[in-house]
């Protein structure tokens, strides 16, 4: 870890901070007709994430908002050690950003107990004014990304110059891989670990946030000693 740059953390939400992917869980539980074909097309790369997620939520009535929130709050689960990891980064004054392709109406209630500043949470918005749920894309891809991400993680990361910041990414899935390629340090689990191995991107595998605390605590401690 560089002593001349400010470490900054970009952390995925679904399957990283939480124990499971909440969009997948919502679709499987509420099972609106037609969602499986759209989901398979997203996984298979025939649809972009923005297009697929937007069309899947548009299958759900706006009237189910609270039912969806209640379901996620009761099933998602926060990954072990997350609160301790936040305490570590706060203690060392390391900026921490949530960068998520998730949706605000279920993401923010789950994060509410952790006192993360509103402007440090990047996710998609939502509109319940119509008959069906509409996703609001408040953080689209910039001119450097052609993946039609929806909430574009690399666009957020590029707002912090690599000349000034040591960019650290924490994630678990293919949606984190473009960010992993431009990060200085990657903490990975699940599919992201497989993809990093396949394409030769340096990474530190983790299962819980205690694993990250063990590695990152040594790195940041070496700088401040």
Protein backbone atom coordinates (compact mmCIF):
# COMPACT_ATOMS: atom_id res chain seq x y z
CA UNK A 1 0.00 0.00 0.00
CA UNK A 2 1.38 3.38 -1.02
CA UNK A 3 2.34 5.88 1.67
CA UNK A 4 1.92 8.80 -0.74
CA UNK A 5 -1.69 8.17 -1.79
CA UNK A 6 -4.96 8.34 0.15
CA UNK A 7 -6.57 4.87 0.40
CA UNK A 8 -10.23 4.91 -0.63
CA UNK A 9 -12.67 1.96 -0.51
CA UNK A 10 -15.44 1.08 -2.96
CA UNK A 11 -17.60 -1.73 -1.57
CA UNK A 12 -20.31 -3.72 -3.35
CA UNK A 13 -23.58 -4.38 -1.51
CA UNK A 14 -25.50 -7.44 -2.77
CA UNK A 15 -23.60 -10.63 -1.90
CA UNK A 16 -20.76 -8.59 -0.39
CA UNK A 17 -22.13 -6.51 2.50
CA UNK A 18 -25.19 -8.77 2.53
CA UNK A 19 -24.95 -12.55 2.55
CA UNK A 20 -26.94 -12.96 -0.67
CA UNK A 21 -27.90 -11.15 -3.88
CA UNK A 22 -31.13 -9.37 -3.01
CA UNK A 23 -32.36 -8.70 -6.55
CA UNK A 24 -32.13 -12.40 -7.36
CA UNK A 25 -33.80 -13.27 -4.05
CA UNK A 26 -36.63 -10.76 -4.64
CA UNK A 27 -37.34 -12.13 -8.12
CA UNK A 28 -37.29 -15.76 -7.00
CA UNK A 29 -39.54 -15.07 -4.00
CA UNK A 30 -42.15 -12.85 -5.70
CA UNK A 31 -41.72 -14.65 -9.04
CA UNK A 32 -43.45 -12.21 -11.43
CA UNK A 33 -44.34 -13.94 -14.74
CA UNK A 34 -41.55 -13.53 -17.29
CA UNK A 35 -38.68 -12.69 -14.91
CA UNK A 36 -36.73 -15.93 -15.46
CA UNK A 37 -36.23 -15.35 -19.20
CA UNK A 38 -35.00 -11.79 -18.54
CA UNK A 39 -32.68 -12.91 -15.73
CA UNK A 40 -31.19 -15.67 -17.88
CA UNK A 41 -30.58 -13.18 -20.69
CA UNK A 42 -28.74 -10.86 -18.27
CA UNK A 43 -26.60 -13.73 -16.94
CA UNK A 44 -25.94 -14.90 -20.50
CA UNK A 45 -24.92 -11.43 -21.66
CA UNK A 46 -27.81 -11.03 -24.14
CA UNK A 47 -29.18 -8.09 -22.11
CA UNK A 48 -27.35 -5.34 -20.24
CA UNK A 49 -27.73 -5.17 -16.46
CA UNK A 50 -29.58 -1.84 -16.73
CA UNK A 51 -32.07 -3.17 -19.26
CA UNK A 52 -32.61 -6.47 -17.46
CA UNK A 53 -32.99 -5.09 -13.94
CA UNK A 54 -35.31 -2.36 -15.17
CA UNK A 55 -37.56 -4.81 -17.01
CA UNK A 56 -37.66 -7.30 -14.11
CA UNK A 57 -38.75 -4.68 -11.55
CA UNK A 58 -41.29 -3.33 -14.05
CA UNK A 59 -43.05 -6.71 -13.65
CA UNK A 60 -43.71 -5.98 -9.95
CA UNK A 61 -46.65 -3.77 -8.85
CA UNK A 62 -45.73 -0.59 -6.95
CA UNK A 63 -48.22 -1.68 -4.29
CA UNK A 64 -45.80 -4.44 -3.25
CA UNK A 65 -43.08 -1.97 -2.15
CA UNK A 66 -43.43 -2.50 1.61
CA UNK A 67 -43.84 -6.25 1.18
CA UNK A 68 -40.54 -6.35 -0.76
CA UNK A 69 -38.76 -4.21 1.85
CA UNK A 70 -40.05 -6.43 4.66
CA UNK A 71 -38.91 -9.55 2.79
CA UNK A 72 -35.37 -8.22 2.20
CA UNK A 73 -35.03 -6.93 5.77
CA UNK A 74 -35.97 -10.35 7.13
CA UNK A 75 -33.83 -12.48 4.80
CA UNK A 76 -30.76 -10.58 3.51
CA UNK A 77 -28.40 -10.78 6.49
CA UNK A 78 -25.28 -8.62 6.92
CA UNK A 79 -21.93 -10.34 6.34
CA UNK A 80 -20.00 -11.09 9.51
CA UNK A 81 -17.50 -8.43 10.53
CA UNK A 82 -18.97 -5.55 8.49
CA UNK A 83 -19.55 -3.31 11.50
CA UNK A 84 -16.01 -3.96 12.79
CA UNK A 85 -14.58 -3.20 9.35
CA UNK A 86 -16.42 0.14 9.23
CA UNK A 87 -14.98 0.96 12.66
CA UNK A 88 -11.47 0.23 11.34
CA UNK A 89 -11.80 2.47 8.27
CA UNK A 90 -13.36 5.24 10.36
CA UNK A 91 -10.53 4.98 12.89
CA UNK A 92 -7.96 5.41 10.12
CA UNK A 93 -10.06 8.04 8.30
CA UNK A 94 -10.21 5.98 5.10
CA UNK A 95 -13.08 7.16 2.84
CA UNK A 96 -15.65 4.35 2.42
CA UNK A 97 -18.19 4.29 -0.43
CA UNK A 98 -20.94 1.76 -1.12
CA UNK A 99 -21.08 1.17 -4.88
CA UNK A 100 -24.09 -1.00 -5.64
CA UNK A 101 -26.26 -2.05 -8.54
CA UNK A 102 -29.02 -2.54 -5.94
CA UNK A 103 -32.08 -0.33 -5.48
CA UNK A 104 -32.45 2.40 -2.85
CA UNK A 105 -35.78 1.32 -1.37
CA UNK A 106 -34.41 -1.93 0.07
CA UNK A 107 -30.68 -1.09 0.23
CA UNK A 108 -30.88 2.03 2.41
CA UNK A 109 -33.06 0.47 5.14
CA UNK A 110 -30.52 -2.35 5.47
CA UNK A 111 -27.63 0.12 5.75
CA UNK A 112 -29.44 2.50 8.11
CA UNK A 113 -27.91 1.05 11.33
CA UNK A 114 -24.35 1.64 10.07
CA UNK A 115 -24.32 5.46 9.90
CA UNK A 116 -22.92 5.72 6.36
CA UNK A 117 -23.28 9.23 4.91
CA UNK A 118 -25.96 9.55 2.23
CA UNK A 119 -23.47 10.93 -0.30
CA UNK A 120 -21.23 7.90 0.23
CA UNK A 121 -23.90 5.50 -1.06
CA UNK A 122 -24.11 5.03 -4.84
CA UNK A 123 -27.07 2.89 -5.95
CA UNK A 124 -30.08 3.02 -8.26
CA UNK A 125 -33.24 4.94 -7.42
CA UNK A 126 -36.88 3.90 -7.67
CA UNK A 127 -40.26 5.37 -8.60
CA UNK A 128 -43.53 3.99 -7.21
CA UNK A 129 -45.85 6.65 -8.68
CA UNK A 130 -47.07 4.35 -11.45
CA UNK A 131 -48.80 0.98 -11.38
CA UNK A 132 -45.49 -0.90 -11.63
CA UNK A 133 -42.04 -0.24 -10.13
CA UNK A 134 -39.73 1.89 -12.25
CA UNK A 135 -35.97 2.00 -11.64
CA UNK A 136 -34.32 5.43 -11.79
CA UNK A 137 -30.77 5.40 -13.17
CA UNK A 138 -29.05 8.24 -11.33
CA UNK A 139 -25.45 7.05 -11.89
CA UNK A 140 -25.14 5.99 -15.57
CA UNK A 141 -21.99 5.04 -17.47
CA UNK A 142 -19.63 7.82 -18.56
CA UNK A 143 -17.94 8.01 -21.97
CA UNK A 144 -15.33 5.43 -20.90
CA UNK A 145 -17.84 2.60 -20.23
CA UNK A 146 -20.02 0.93 -22.87
CA UNK A 147 -21.48 -1.81 -20.64
CA UNK A 148 -24.83 -0.10 -19.91
CA UNK A 149 -24.32 -0.91 -16.24
CA UNK A 150 -27.19 1.04 -14.72
CA UNK A 151 -25.23 2.17 -11.66
CA UNK A 152 -21.73 2.29 -13.18
CA UNK A 153 -19.06 1.45 -10.61
CA UNK A 154 -16.11 2.37 -12.81
CA UNK A 155 -17.65 5.79 -13.51
CA UNK A 156 -17.79 6.40 -9.74
CA UNK A 157 -14.20 5.17 -9.26
CA UNK A 158 -12.90 7.43 -12.04
CA UNK A 159 -14.09 10.45 -10.04
CA UNK A 160 -11.13 9.73 -7.74
CA UNK A 161 -7.80 10.20 -9.54
CA UNK A 162 -5.36 7.26 -9.43
CA UNK A 163 -2.60 9.86 -9.01
CA UNK A 164 -4.09 10.94 -5.68
CA UNK A 165 -5.96 7.86 -4.41
CA UNK A 166 -5.13 4.18 -3.87
CA UNK A 167 -8.42 2.70 -5.04
CA UNK A 168 -9.53 -0.44 -3.17
CA UNK A 169 -12.46 -2.52 -4.39
CA UNK A 170 -14.45 -5.10 -2.40
CA UNK A 171 -16.85 -7.29 -4.37
CA UNK A 172 -18.16 -10.68 -5.33
CA UNK A 173 -19.57 -10.81 -8.86
CA UNK A 174 -19.03 -10.08 -12.54
CA UNK A 175 -20.54 -6.61 -12.02
CA UNK A 176 -17.43 -5.80 -9.96
CA UNK A 177 -14.90 -7.04 -12.48
CA UNK A 178 -14.54 -3.86 -14.57
CA UNK A 179 -13.87 -1.99 -11.32
CA UNK A 180 -11.38 -4.67 -10.25
CA UNK A 181 -9.38 -4.04 -13.42
CA UNK A 182 -8.77 -0.38 -12.51
CA UNK A 183 -8.39 -0.86 -8.73
CA UNK A 184 -5.03 -0.90 -6.94
CA UNK A 185 -6.18 -3.57 -4.49
CA UNK A 186 -9.08 -6.05 -4.77
CA UNK A 187 -10.77 -8.04 -2.02
CA UNK A 188 -12.82 -10.71 -3.77
CA UNK A 189 -15.16 -13.59 -3.11
CA UNK A 190 -17.26 -15.97 -5.19
CA UNK A 191 -17.37 -15.38 -8.97
CA UNK A 192 -15.15 -12.31 -8.78
CA UNK A 193 -12.33 -14.44 -7.35
CA UNK A 194 -12.70 -16.94 -10.22
CA UNK A 195 -12.66 -14.12 -12.77
CA UNK A 196 -9.60 -12.47 -11.20
CA UNK A 197 -7.73 -15.81 -11.29
CA UNK A 198 -8.78 -16.44 -14.91
CA UNK A 199 -7.58 -13.06 -16.15
CA UNK A 200 -4.61 -12.54 -13.84
CA UNK A 201 -5.91 -9.65 -11.73
CA UNK A 202 -4.20 -9.45 -8.30
CA UNK A 203 -6.69 -10.03 -5.50
CA UNK A 204 -7.08 -11.06 -1.86
CA UNK A 205 -9.90 -13.61 -1.38
CA UNK A 206 -12.20 -13.18 1.63
CA UNK A 207 -15.18 -14.88 3.22
CA UNK A 208 -16.08 -12.48 6.02
CA UNK A 209 -15.08 -8.89 6.72
CA UNK A 210 -12.86 -10.22 9.49
CA UNK A 211 -10.63 -11.64 6.70
CA UNK A 212 -10.40 -8.15 5.17
CA UNK A 213 -9.72 -6.59 8.57
CA UNK A 214 -6.80 -8.98 9.05
CA UNK A 215 -5.16 -8.03 5.74
CA UNK A 216 -6.16 -4.37 5.46
CA UNK A 217 -5.40 -3.73 9.14
CA UNK A 218 -1.79 -4.78 8.55
CA UNK A 219 -1.48 -2.66 5.42
CA UNK A 220 -2.94 0.50 6.94
CA UNK A 221 -1.08 -0.12 10.20
CA UNK A 222 2.23 -0.25 8.33
CA UNK A 223 1.51 3.18 6.84
CA UNK A 224 0.57 4.76 10.15
CA UNK A 225 3.34 3.15 12.25
